[in-house]
Amino acid sequence: PSLSGSTRRISSESSPCLPGWTAHSVDALKARCEELCLQPRGTRGESGGQTGCTYDISNKHRLGYSEVQLVQTMIDGVNTLYDEDLALQKKLFEFPNIQSTHSLVAKYVTKEIWDKLAKHITPTAGFTLYKAIACAVEFDNQHCGIYAGDWDSYKDFAAVFDPLIQEYHGISADAKHTSDMDSTKITGNVNPDAPVHSTRIRVGRSIDGFGLSPGITREQRLGVEKLMKAAFAQFVDELSGKYYPLAGMDEAVRQQLVDDHFLFVSGDRNLQVAGMERDWPEGRGIFHNTEKTFLVWVNEEDQLRIISMEKGGDVLGVFKRLAKGIQTVGDSVKAESGKEFMLDEKY
């Protein structure tokens, strides 16, 4: 549509690398380009998404401006973005003002630690310590104030994550978490006469090789959704159901999911600042089985939020379904891609 009627048009384009803007906020870069009468897009074309920190910057306008005016707008705009990017890069490496002064981030992100880790970028999602502690910097009410952007974050920024996790959970440095989903080891159940309205048990899972929600790239997020669509198609018996992508969702479907209390929505400021709502709602969706007792949220706060629920107090039955669902999801993903859940022996 932008080309309609513009047979005598000119559109200049430049592809600068803007690491400062990328680390600061891609949404903020888009807004700044709007002010400069420019538009940024990924190097894969208009609908291809942003990759790395390089962007194709083009004129926003087509008709109504002379060729000279549009080229001048491009020159001035790119120069402005470059100068601002240099300033942002410098700011990103300065020891930040952590507004949540009583948070665990404030305790463990010392000037010494910051100077050692501030310039490190993780290989999987291109995540930084600055991005990880963004909420503690932005807000004054955080207790932890930190998010990992990929598996590498836990390893590369271990000097921060390890003591913080240990203090938050009250575990020792040599503690190891034991996972056991064997429902046959559980004895008894909730008394059926107890006035329990409903029971829900849920877990978060992430697939190895993809970034976590705060750092996951657009391409990786779409890859997770693609894997899960294929996995859901293989579900049978009590787990069989349908996947509902948020993008392009029919209003009647949306309202039914709201009425069922299944729908997750955008707008949480913590999630936004942490980077979890980038490209919303693309790559996100909800699966539920026919009986609406087994759900999987795709690419919300976790890559996967796996949920088992039902009316009443049958906790054992809900746990059995959850264990079966987790195993089914894991097996399906591995069969489709060779990938497994992201697990750590320590945590």
Protein backbone atom coordinates (compact mmCIF):
# COMPACT_ATOMS: atom_id res chain seq x y z
CA PRO A 1 0.00 0.00 0.00
CA SER A 2 2.86 2.40 0.70
CA LEU A 3 3.75 2.21 -2.99
CA SER A 4 0.25 2.89 -4.34
CA GLY A 5 0.27 5.75 -6.83
CA SER A 6 4.00 6.30 -6.37
CA THR A 7 5.33 5.56 -9.85
CA ARG A 8 7.82 8.40 -9.49
CA ARG A 9 8.95 7.60 -6.01
CA ILE A 10 12.33 7.19 -4.36
CA SER A 11 13.04 5.19 -1.22
CA SER A 12 16.52 5.38 0.25
CA GLU A 13 17.75 2.63 2.57
CA SER A 14 20.67 2.16 4.93
CA SER A 15 21.69 -0.82 7.07
CA PRO A 16 23.45 0.44 10.20
CA CYS A 17 24.48 -1.75 13.12
CA LEU A 18 22.92 -0.33 16.30
CA PRO A 19 23.98 -2.43 19.31
CA GLY A 20 23.16 0.34 21.80
CA TRP A 21 19.60 0.75 20.58
CA THR A 22 19.15 -3.04 20.37
CA ALA A 23 20.23 -3.54 23.97
CA HIS A 24 18.18 -0.56 25.13
CA SER A 25 14.88 -1.42 23.43
CA VAL A 26 13.87 -2.35 19.89
CA ASP A 27 10.44 -0.82 20.55
CA ALA A 28 12.12 2.43 21.60
CA LEU A 29 14.18 2.36 18.38
CA LYS A 30 10.99 1.99 16.34
CA ALA A 31 9.46 4.97 18.14
CA ARG A 32 12.59 7.05 17.59
CA CYS A 33 12.64 6.21 13.88
CA GLU A 34 9.02 7.32 13.68
CA GLU A 35 10.06 10.72 15.05
CA LEU A 36 12.82 10.91 12.42
CA CYS A 37 10.40 9.97 9.59
CA LEU A 38 12.16 6.63 9.14
CA GLN A 39 11.18 3.02 9.62
CA PRO A 40 13.39 0.14 10.81
CA ARG A 41 12.99 -3.48 9.86
CA GLY A 42 15.02 -6.65 10.04
CA THR A 43 17.64 -7.53 7.47
CA ARG A 44 15.42 -10.36 6.22
CA GLY A 45 12.97 -8.03 4.54
CA GLU A 46 9.81 -6.25 5.52
CA SER A 47 8.30 -9.24 7.32
CA GLY A 48 11.45 -11.18 8.08
CA GLY A 49 12.18 -9.95 11.57
CA GLN A 50 15.19 -8.34 13.19
CA THR A 51 18.42 -10.31 13.40
CA GLY A 52 21.34 -9.31 15.57
CA CYS A 53 21.79 -5.54 15.85
CA THR A 54 21.69 -4.64 12.14
CA TYR A 55 18.59 -2.98 10.68
CA ASP A 56 17.41 -1.88 7.27
CA ILE A 57 16.43 1.76 7.80
CA SER A 58 14.25 3.27 5.09
CA ASN A 59 12.14 6.37 4.54
CA LYS A 60 8.70 6.32 6.08
CA HIS A 61 7.25 8.62 3.43
CA ARG A 62 6.95 8.06 -0.32
CA LEU A 63 4.80 10.73 -1.97
CA GLY A 64 4.72 14.39 -1.00
CA TYR A 65 8.47 14.80 -0.63
CA SER A 66 11.15 15.35 -3.25
CA GLU A 67 13.95 12.90 -3.83
CA VAL A 68 16.45 15.31 -2.30
CA GLN A 69 14.30 15.74 0.81
CA LEU A 70 13.99 11.98 1.33
CA VAL A 71 17.70 11.33 0.88
CA GLN A 72 18.49 14.20 3.26
CA THR A 73 16.06 12.73 5.81
CA MET A 74 17.88 9.42 5.54
CA ILE A 75 21.32 10.98 6.01
CA ASP A 76 20.29 13.13 8.97
CA GLY A 77 18.29 10.32 10.57
CA VAL A 78 21.02 7.67 10.36
CA ASN A 79 23.59 10.12 11.72
CA THR A 80 21.27 10.92 14.62
CA LEU A 81 20.64 7.24 15.37
CA TYR A 82 24.37 6.53 15.25
CA ASP A 83 25.22 9.33 17.70
CA GLU A 84 22.45 8.20 20.03
CA ASP A 85 23.60 4.58 19.72
CA LEU A 86 27.11 5.51 20.85
CA ALA A 87 25.65 7.29 23.88
CA LEU A 88 23.45 4.27 24.68
CA GLN A 89 26.39 1.89 24.39
CA LYS A 90 28.36 3.99 26.85
CA LYS A 91 25.41 4.12 29.23
CA LEU A 92 24.94 0.36 29.07
CA PHE A 93 28.43 -0.21 30.40
CA GLU A 94 28.18 2.31 33.24
CA PHE A 95 27.32 0.91 36.65
CA PRO A 96 23.51 1.30 36.75
CA ASN A 97 21.39 3.08 39.32
CA ILE A 98 19.55 0.13 40.89
CA GLN A 99 16.33 1.70 42.15
CA SER A 100 15.28 -1.42 44.04
CA THR A 101 17.88 -0.74 46.70
CA HIS A 102 16.75 -3.58 48.96
CA SER A 103 16.59 -6.17 46.19
CA LEU A 104 18.85 -9.18 45.82
CA VAL A 105 20.17 -7.59 42.62
CA ALA A 106 21.36 -4.59 44.63
CA LYS A 107 23.10 -6.96 47.02
CA TYR A 108 24.88 -9.12 44.48
CA VAL A 109 25.46 -6.85 41.47
CA THR A 110 28.38 -4.96 42.96
CA LYS A 111 30.56 -2.49 41.06
CA GLU A 112 33.32 -5.10 40.93
CA ILE A 113 31.02 -7.78 39.50
CA TRP A 114 29.50 -5.29 37.06
CA ASP A 115 32.86 -4.25 35.66
CA LYS A 116 33.72 -7.91 35.01
CA LEU A 117 30.43 -8.89 33.34
CA ALA A 118 28.82 -5.77 31.85
CA LYS A 119 30.25 -6.17 28.36
CA HIS A 120 29.57 -9.90 28.04
CA ILE A 121 26.92 -11.01 25.53
CA THR A 122 25.51 -14.54 25.73
CA PRO A 123 25.76 -16.67 22.57
CA THR A 124 22.23 -18.10 22.44
CA ALA A 125 20.10 -14.96 22.73
CA GLY A 126 22.60 -12.08 22.82
CA PHE A 127 21.64 -11.32 26.42
CA THR A 128 23.51 -9.02 28.80
CA LEU A 129 23.63 -8.42 32.52
CA TYR A 130 22.04 -5.01 31.95
CA LYS A 131 19.02 -6.69 30.33
CA ALA A 132 18.90 -9.28 33.12
CA ILE A 133 18.55 -6.67 35.89
CA ALA A 134 16.38 -4.21 33.96
CA CYS A 135 13.44 -4.50 36.39
CA ALA A 136 15.60 -3.73 39.43
CA VAL A 137 16.94 -0.68 37.60
CA GLU A 138 13.54 0.52 36.37
CA PHE A 139 11.43 -0.13 39.48
CA ASP A 140 11.94 0.42 43.22
CA ASN A 141 9.78 -2.47 44.44
CA GLN A 142 11.64 -5.61 43.31
CA HIS A 143 12.69 -8.38 45.68
CA CYS A 144 14.82 -10.38 43.24
CA GLY A 145 14.77 -8.10 40.20
CA ILE A 146 16.56 -10.40 37.75
CA TYR A 147 15.64 -12.59 34.77
CA ALA A 148 17.73 -14.98 32.70
CA GLY A 149 17.54 -14.50 28.94
CA ASP A 150 18.84 -17.95 28.02
CA TRP A 151 20.59 -20.95 29.56
CA ASP A 152 23.94 -19.20 29.07
CA SER A 153 22.84 -16.44 31.46
CA TYR A 154 22.99 -18.80 34.43
CA LYS A 155 26.49 -19.95 33.47
CA ASP A 156 28.00 -16.71 32.18
CA PHE A 157 26.56 -14.55 34.97
CA ALA A 158 26.91 -17.23 37.67
CA ALA A 159 28.64 -14.76 39.99
CA VAL A 160 25.25 -13.05 40.30
CA PHE A 161 22.73 -15.82 39.70
CA ASP A 162 24.20 -18.51 41.98
CA PRO A 163 24.27 -16.60 45.28
CA LEU A 164 21.00 -14.84 44.46
CA ILE A 165 19.18 -18.11 43.76
CA GLN A 166 20.67 -19.73 46.85
CA GLU A 167 19.57 -16.90 49.14
CA TYR A 168 16.10 -16.62 47.63
CA HIS A 169 15.39 -20.35 47.96
CA GLY A 170 17.33 -20.82 51.20
CA ILE A 171 19.64 -23.51 49.83
CA SER A 172 23.34 -24.08 50.24
CA ALA A 173 25.93 -23.62 47.50
CA ASP A 174 26.35 -27.39 47.15
CA ALA A 175 22.62 -28.22 47.21
CA LYS A 176 21.07 -30.21 44.36
CA HIS A 177 17.41 -30.30 43.39
CA THR A 178 15.80 -33.72 43.06
CA SER A 179 12.95 -34.08 40.57
CA ASP A 180 10.51 -36.98 40.99
CA MET A 181 7.27 -37.19 38.98
CA ASP A 182 6.42 -40.79 39.95
CA SER A 183 2.81 -40.57 41.11
CA THR A 184 2.85 -44.18 42.39
CA LYS A 185 4.93 -43.00 45.35
CA ILE A 186 2.09 -40.79 46.60
CA THR A 187 -0.18 -42.30 49.24
CA GLY A 188 -3.78 -41.29 49.81
CA ASN A 189 -5.60 -38.27 48.44
CA VAL A 190 -7.62 -35.29 49.62
CA ASN A 191 -10.77 -36.39 51.48
CA PRO A 192 -13.57 -36.29 48.85
CA ASP A 193 -15.87 -34.72 51.47
CA ALA A 194 -13.54 -31.73 51.85
CA PRO A 195 -15.05 -28.58 50.26
CA VAL A 196 -12.35 -28.20 47.57
CA HIS A 197 -13.63 -26.22 44.59
CA SER A 198 -10.85 -27.02 42.14
CA THR A 199 -7.27 -28.26 41.88
CA ARG A 200 -4.49 -27.02 39.61
CA ILE A 201 -0.83 -28.06 39.37
CA ARG A 202 1.48 -26.42 36.86
CA VAL A 203 5.13 -26.34 35.88
CA GLY A 204 7.34 -24.28 33.60
CA ARG A 205 9.47 -25.97 30.95
CA SER A 206 11.86 -24.64 28.32
CA ILE A 207 13.35 -26.37 25.27
CA ASP A 208 17.13 -26.53 25.03
CA GLY A 209 18.73 -24.42 22.32
CA PHE A 210 16.21 -21.57 22.44
CA GLY A 211 16.39 -18.37 24.45
CA LEU A 212 14.22 -17.88 27.53
CA SER A 213 11.35 -15.42 27.34
CA PRO A 214 13.27 -12.23 28.33
CA GLY A 215 15.94 -12.84 25.68
CA ILE A 216 14.42 -15.17 23.09
CA THR A 217 14.72 -13.87 19.54
CA ARG A 218 11.73 -13.60 17.24
CA GLU A 219 13.04 -16.46 15.14
CA GLN A 220 13.54 -18.66 18.21
CA ARG A 221 10.08 -17.85 19.57
CA LEU A 222 8.48 -18.85 16.28
CA GLY A 223 10.62 -22.00 16.33
CA VAL A 224 9.27 -22.95 19.75
CA GLU A 225 5.70 -22.42 18.56
CA LYS A 226 6.32 -24.48 15.41
CA LEU A 227 7.70 -27.36 17.47
CA MET A 228 4.75 -27.24 19.83
CA LYS A 229 2.19 -27.18 17.02
CA ALA A 230 3.74 -30.38 15.71
CA ALA A 231 3.81 -31.88 19.20
CA PHE A 232 0.18 -31.02 19.95
CA ALA A 233 -0.90 -32.71 16.73
CA GLN A 234 0.45 -36.00 18.10
CA PHE A 235 -1.49 -35.90 21.39
CA VAL A 236 -4.06 -38.67 21.79
CA ASP A 237 -6.70 -39.88 24.24
CA GLU A 238 -7.26 -37.60 27.25
CA LEU A 239 -4.55 -35.15 26.11
CA SER A 240 -5.97 -34.67 22.63
CA GLY A 241 -7.15 -31.14 21.91
CA LYS A 242 -6.54 -27.96 19.91
CA TYR A 243 -3.99 -25.15 19.77
CA TYR A 244 -5.20 -21.55 19.62
CA PRO A 245 -2.58 -18.99 18.45
CA LEU A 246 -3.04 -15.51 19.92
CA ALA A 247 -2.17 -13.81 16.64
CA GLY A 248 -5.30 -13.48 14.51
CA MET A 249 -7.49 -15.08 17.15
CA ASP A 250 -11.21 -15.04 16.37
CA GLU A 251 -13.21 -12.91 18.81
CA ALA A 252 -15.56 -15.77 19.71
CA VAL A 253 -12.58 -18.00 20.52
CA ARG A 254 -10.93 -15.23 22.54
CA GLN A 255 -14.08 -14.68 24.58
CA GLN A 256 -14.47 -18.40 25.28
CA LEU A 257 -10.88 -18.59 26.52
CA VAL A 258 -11.54 -15.57 28.74
CA ASP A 259 -14.69 -17.20 30.11
CA ASP A 260 -12.72 -20.39 30.80
CA HIS A 261 -10.03 -18.32 32.57
CA PHE A 262 -7.42 -19.74 30.18
CA LEU A 263 -6.30 -16.63 28.31
CA PHE A 264 -3.10 -14.80 29.19
CA VAL A 265 -2.82 -11.17 28.13
CA SER A 266 -0.24 -8.42 27.69
CA GLY A 267 0.24 -5.29 29.76
CA ASP A 268 2.27 -6.44 32.77
CA ARG A 269 4.93 -3.75 33.27
CA ASN A 270 7.43 -6.16 34.81
CA LEU A 271 7.18 -8.48 31.83
CA GLN A 272 7.43 -5.57 29.41
CA VAL A 273 10.55 -4.11 31.00
CA ALA A 274 12.09 -7.57 31.26
CA GLY A 275 11.61 -7.99 27.50
CA MET A 276 8.99 -10.73 27.59
CA GLU A 277 6.33 -8.97 25.52
CA ARG A 278 8.42 -8.19 22.45
CA ASP A 279 6.64 -8.93 19.13
CA TRP A 280 3.35 -9.46 21.00
CA PRO A 281 1.25 -11.54 20.28
CA GLU A 282 3.24 -13.32 17.58
CA GLY A 283 4.46 -16.83 18.37
CA ARG A 284 2.21 -17.21 21.41
CA GLY A 285 -0.83 -19.36 22.03
CA ILE A 286 -2.81 -21.74 24.20
CA PHE A 287 -3.45 -25.45 23.89
CA HIS A 288 -6.11 -27.28 25.84
CA ASN A 289 -7.47 -30.79 25.64
CA THR A 290 -11.09 -31.54 24.84
CA GLU A 291 -12.07 -31.88 28.52
CA LYS A 292 -10.22 -28.61 29.38
CA THR A 293 -8.24 -30.37 32.10
CA PHE A 294 -4.81 -30.09 30.45
CA LEU A 295 -3.37 -26.82 29.14
CA VAL A 296 -0.10 -25.56 27.70
CA TRP A 297 0.67 -21.87 27.40
CA VAL A 298 3.24 -21.28 24.68
CA ASN A 299 5.75 -18.42 24.96
CA GLU A 300 4.24 -16.54 27.86
CA GLU A 301 6.50 -16.04 30.91
CA ASP A 302 8.04 -19.45 30.25
CA GLN A 303 8.50 -21.04 26.86
CA LEU A 304 5.97 -23.61 28.08
CA ARG A 305 3.62 -23.42 31.05
CA ILE A 306 2.15 -26.91 31.43
CA ILE A 307 -1.03 -27.08 33.53
CA SER A 308 -3.24 -29.88 34.82
CA MET A 309 -6.54 -28.91 36.45
CA GLU A 310 -10.06 -30.03 37.23
CA LYS A 311 -13.01 -29.36 39.50
CA GLY A 312 -12.87 -30.93 42.95
CA GLY A 313 -10.01 -32.12 45.12
CA ASP A 314 -8.51 -35.07 43.24
CA VAL A 315 -4.92 -33.86 43.68
CA LEU A 316 -3.48 -37.27 42.87
CA GLY A 317 -5.41 -37.51 39.61
CA VAL A 318 -4.36 -33.99 38.59
CA PHE A 319 -0.72 -34.81 39.33
CA LYS A 320 -0.90 -38.05 37.32
CA ARG A 321 -2.25 -36.15 34.31
CA LEU A 322 0.43 -33.50 34.70
CA ALA A 323 3.21 -36.11 34.81
CA LYS A 324 1.79 -37.80 31.73
CA GLY A 325 1.46 -34.48 29.94
CA ILE A 326 5.04 -33.39 30.70
CA GLN A 327 6.37 -36.71 29.44
CA THR A 328 4.22 -36.52 26.31
CA VAL A 329 5.33 -32.97 25.51
CA GLY A 330 8.98 -33.87 26.06
CA ASP A 331 8.79 -37.03 23.95
CA SER A 332 6.99 -35.24 21.13
CA VAL A 333 9.48 -32.36 21.03
CA LYS A 334 12.44 -34.76 21.03
CA ALA A 335 10.91 -36.86 18.24
CA GLU A 336 10.29 -33.74 16.16
CA SER A 337 13.58 -31.90 16.74
CA GLY A 338 15.99 -34.02 18.74
CA LYS A 339 15.88 -31.38 21.49
CA GLU A 340 15.11 -31.98 25.15
CA PHE A 341 13.91 -29.85 28.02
CA MET A 342 16.41 -27.40 29.45
CA LEU A 343 17.39 -28.97 32.77
CA ASP A 344 20.22 -28.38 35.24
CA GLU A 345 21.53 -30.99 37.67
CA LYS A 346 22.00 -28.36 40.39
CA TYR A 347 18.68 -26.50 40.19
